[in-house]
């Protein structure tokens, strides 16, 4: 029985494409050399309606500083291989998408050399006229170990996150 389990595990790992994770990140994220300047807009923002034939996607960056020396992170957001913007700390951005399948990415733009955080990915099949909410959360799981998680949230949670976070105004650095 042990031999059978080992053979099954080896067959899965032998068939696995070692480049698959890197290809998925490249397909969802943008070029590594693009950096953003981000400012937050104060005050209540009105939620846009999706354009005809399109959907709206919100990504709320969530970061709770646990009392250490870490600076407020900037998290880039990618869609289908291009950066669409960035959040700094706890803030949100939105963008329109065409109907169909899409691949999203969140990536910590600049991090201290001693912290290793990888990109986080999510997929979305957008329907015209719909609104989708995602949370890009940076969490400290143990000292010097940080995780970045991009996850869909339901519309009630999404609206709550929007109400408690400012809108990001992000522009690529020149």
Protein backbone atom coordinates (compact mmCIF):
# COMPACT_ATOMS: atom_id res chain seq x y z
CA UNK A 1 0.00 0.00 0.00
CA UNK A 2 2.83 2.42 0.87
CA UNK A 3 4.48 1.69 -2.48
CA UNK A 4 1.24 2.44 -4.32
CA UNK A 5 0.84 5.79 -2.50
CA UNK A 6 4.44 6.76 -3.28
CA UNK A 7 3.98 5.78 -6.95
CA UNK A 8 0.81 7.86 -7.20
CA UNK A 9 2.50 10.87 -5.60
CA UNK A 10 5.51 10.55 -7.89
CA UNK A 11 3.31 10.35 -10.97
CA UNK A 12 1.59 13.62 -10.01
CA UNK A 13 4.85 15.42 -9.35
CA UNK A 14 6.46 14.05 -12.53
CA UNK A 15 3.59 15.41 -14.64
CA UNK A 16 3.54 18.78 -12.90
CA UNK A 17 4.93 21.66 -14.93
CA UNK A 18 7.48 23.46 -12.72
CA UNK A 19 6.97 26.66 -14.75
CA UNK A 20 3.19 26.67 -14.16
CA UNK A 21 3.23 28.99 -11.08
CA UNK A 22 5.54 31.48 -12.80
CA UNK A 23 3.39 31.39 -15.94
CA UNK A 24 0.24 32.04 -13.89
CA UNK A 25 1.84 35.05 -12.19
CA UNK A 26 3.06 36.41 -15.53
CA UNK A 27 -0.42 35.95 -17.07
CA UNK A 28 -2.12 37.91 -14.24
CA UNK A 29 0.45 40.45 -13.03
CA UNK A 30 2.15 43.25 -14.89
CA UNK A 31 5.83 43.92 -15.58
CA UNK A 32 8.04 43.86 -12.48
CA UNK A 33 9.62 47.25 -13.19
CA UNK A 34 6.34 49.23 -12.98
CA UNK A 35 5.94 51.06 -9.66
CA UNK A 36 3.09 53.27 -8.44
CA UNK A 37 2.73 56.45 -6.44
CA UNK A 38 -0.45 56.18 -4.38
CA UNK A 39 -2.52 58.77 -2.53
CA UNK A 40 -5.78 58.18 -0.73
CA UNK A 41 -8.82 60.35 -1.34
CA UNK A 42 -10.62 61.43 1.79
CA UNK A 43 -14.40 61.70 1.98
CA UNK A 44 -17.22 59.50 0.78
CA UNK A 45 -16.95 58.33 -2.81
CA UNK A 46 -19.94 57.40 -4.95
CA UNK A 47 -19.84 53.92 -6.42
CA UNK A 48 -19.80 53.92 -10.21
CA UNK A 49 -22.24 51.90 -12.25
CA UNK A 50 -20.76 49.39 -14.68
CA UNK A 51 -20.54 50.58 -18.29
CA UNK A 52 -22.84 48.77 -20.74
CA UNK A 53 -21.51 45.26 -21.42
CA UNK A 54 -18.92 45.50 -18.61
CA UNK A 55 -18.55 44.69 -14.91
CA UNK A 56 -16.86 46.62 -12.09
CA UNK A 57 -14.17 45.06 -9.89
CA UNK A 58 -13.20 46.52 -6.51
CA UNK A 59 -10.00 45.49 -4.75
CA UNK A 60 -9.69 46.58 -1.14
CA UNK A 61 -6.20 46.56 0.30
CA UNK A 62 -6.23 45.62 3.95
CA UNK A 63 -3.22 46.08 6.21
CA UNK A 64 -3.22 46.26 9.98
CA UNK A 65 0.13 47.33 11.29
CA UNK A 66 0.90 45.10 14.26
CA UNK A 67 3.18 47.62 16.01
CA UNK A 68 6.44 46.88 14.24
CA UNK A 69 8.76 49.10 12.20
CA UNK A 70 7.37 48.04 8.82
CA UNK A 71 6.36 50.90 6.53
CA UNK A 72 2.87 51.00 5.04
CA UNK A 73 2.98 48.68 2.01
CA UNK A 74 1.88 49.48 -1.52
CA UNK A 75 0.10 46.55 -3.19
CA UNK A 76 -0.12 46.55 -6.98
CA UNK A 77 -3.19 45.04 -8.64
CA UNK A 78 -2.92 43.33 -12.00
CA UNK A 79 -5.50 42.09 -14.49
CA UNK A 80 -4.68 39.73 -17.34
CA UNK A 81 -0.98 40.66 -17.44
CA UNK A 82 -1.21 44.44 -16.92
CA UNK A 83 -1.19 46.55 -13.79
CA UNK A 84 -4.46 48.43 -13.25
CA UNK A 85 -3.44 50.35 -10.13
CA UNK A 86 -2.32 50.04 -6.54
CA UNK A 87 -3.49 50.44 -2.95
CA UNK A 88 -1.39 51.80 -0.11
CA UNK A 89 -2.23 50.45 3.32
CA UNK A 90 -5.96 50.08 3.85
CA UNK A 91 -7.60 51.62 0.78
CA UNK A 92 -9.48 50.53 -2.34
CA UNK A 93 -9.50 50.89 -6.08
CA UNK A 94 -11.90 49.87 -8.82
CA UNK A 95 -11.77 49.24 -12.56
CA UNK A 96 -14.09 48.06 -15.34
CA UNK A 97 -13.67 44.66 -16.98
CA UNK A 98 -15.11 43.11 -20.10
CA UNK A 99 -17.41 40.13 -19.66
CA UNK A 100 -15.58 36.81 -19.56
CA UNK A 101 -12.74 35.06 -17.76
CA UNK A 102 -10.03 37.17 -16.12
CA UNK A 103 -6.96 36.58 -13.97
CA UNK A 104 -6.18 38.96 -11.09
CA UNK A 105 -2.96 39.47 -9.21
CA UNK A 106 -1.89 41.32 -6.10
CA UNK A 107 1.78 41.96 -5.45
CA UNK A 108 3.66 43.84 -2.73
CA UNK A 109 5.39 46.59 -4.73
CA UNK A 110 8.44 47.21 -2.57
CA UNK A 111 9.28 45.24 0.50
CA UNK A 112 12.24 45.08 2.85
CA UNK A 113 14.86 42.61 1.64
CA UNK A 114 14.33 40.39 4.68
CA UNK A 115 10.65 39.75 3.95
CA UNK A 116 9.64 37.34 1.23
CA UNK A 117 6.07 37.77 0.02
CA UNK A 118 4.89 36.24 -3.19
CA UNK A 119 2.16 37.41 -5.49
CA UNK A 120 -1.36 36.26 -4.81
CA UNK A 121 -3.72 35.23 -7.61
CA UNK A 122 -7.47 34.93 -8.16
CA UNK A 123 -9.68 34.29 -11.14
CA UNK A 124 -12.96 35.88 -12.11
CA UNK A 125 -15.63 35.15 -14.69
CA UNK A 126 -17.27 38.55 -15.11
CA UNK A 127 -20.86 39.03 -16.22
CA UNK A 128 -22.08 42.34 -17.70
CA UNK A 129 -23.62 44.71 -15.17
CA UNK A 130 -22.22 42.89 -12.13
CA UNK A 131 -19.97 44.19 -9.35
CA UNK A 132 -17.20 42.02 -7.85
CA UNK A 133 -15.27 42.57 -4.63
CA UNK A 134 -11.83 41.28 -3.68
CA UNK A 135 -9.68 41.80 -0.59
CA UNK A 136 -5.88 41.95 -0.84
CA UNK A 137 -4.80 41.38 2.74
CA UNK A 138 -1.29 41.58 4.14
CA UNK A 139 -0.95 39.71 7.42
CA UNK A 140 1.93 38.90 9.72
CA UNK A 141 1.70 35.20 10.46
CA UNK A 142 4.81 35.17 12.69
CA UNK A 143 7.78 37.50 13.19
CA UNK A 144 9.23 38.41 9.76
CA UNK A 145 6.81 36.05 8.02
CA UNK A 146 4.17 37.90 6.02
CA UNK A 147 1.49 36.64 3.69
CA UNK A 148 -0.42 38.40 0.93
CA UNK A 149 -3.82 36.92 0.17
CA UNK A 150 -6.14 37.99 -2.65
CA UNK A 151 -9.63 36.63 -2.04
CA UNK A 152 -13.16 37.29 -3.30
CA UNK A 153 -15.63 38.59 -0.74
CA UNK A 154 -19.42 38.70 -0.90
CA UNK A 155 -21.20 41.94 -1.79
CA UNK A 156 -22.22 42.73 1.81
CA UNK A 157 -18.64 42.38 3.06
CA UNK A 158 -17.38 44.23 -0.01
CA UNK A 159 -19.62 47.24 0.60
CA UNK A 160 -18.57 47.30 4.27
CA UNK A 161 -14.88 47.27 3.28
CA UNK A 162 -15.49 50.11 0.81
CA UNK A 163 -17.30 52.17 3.44
CA UNK A 164 -14.36 51.86 5.83
CA UNK A 165 -11.49 52.53 3.40
CA UNK A 166 -10.53 55.55 1.31
CA UNK A 167 -10.30 55.44 -2.48
CA UNK A 168 -6.78 55.09 -3.89
CA UNK A 169 -5.47 57.39 -6.56
CA UNK A 170 -2.53 55.54 -8.08
CA UNK A 171 -0.30 56.65 -10.92
CA UNK A 172 2.70 54.85 -12.42
CA UNK A 173 6.01 56.39 -11.37
CA UNK A 174 7.91 58.05 -14.20
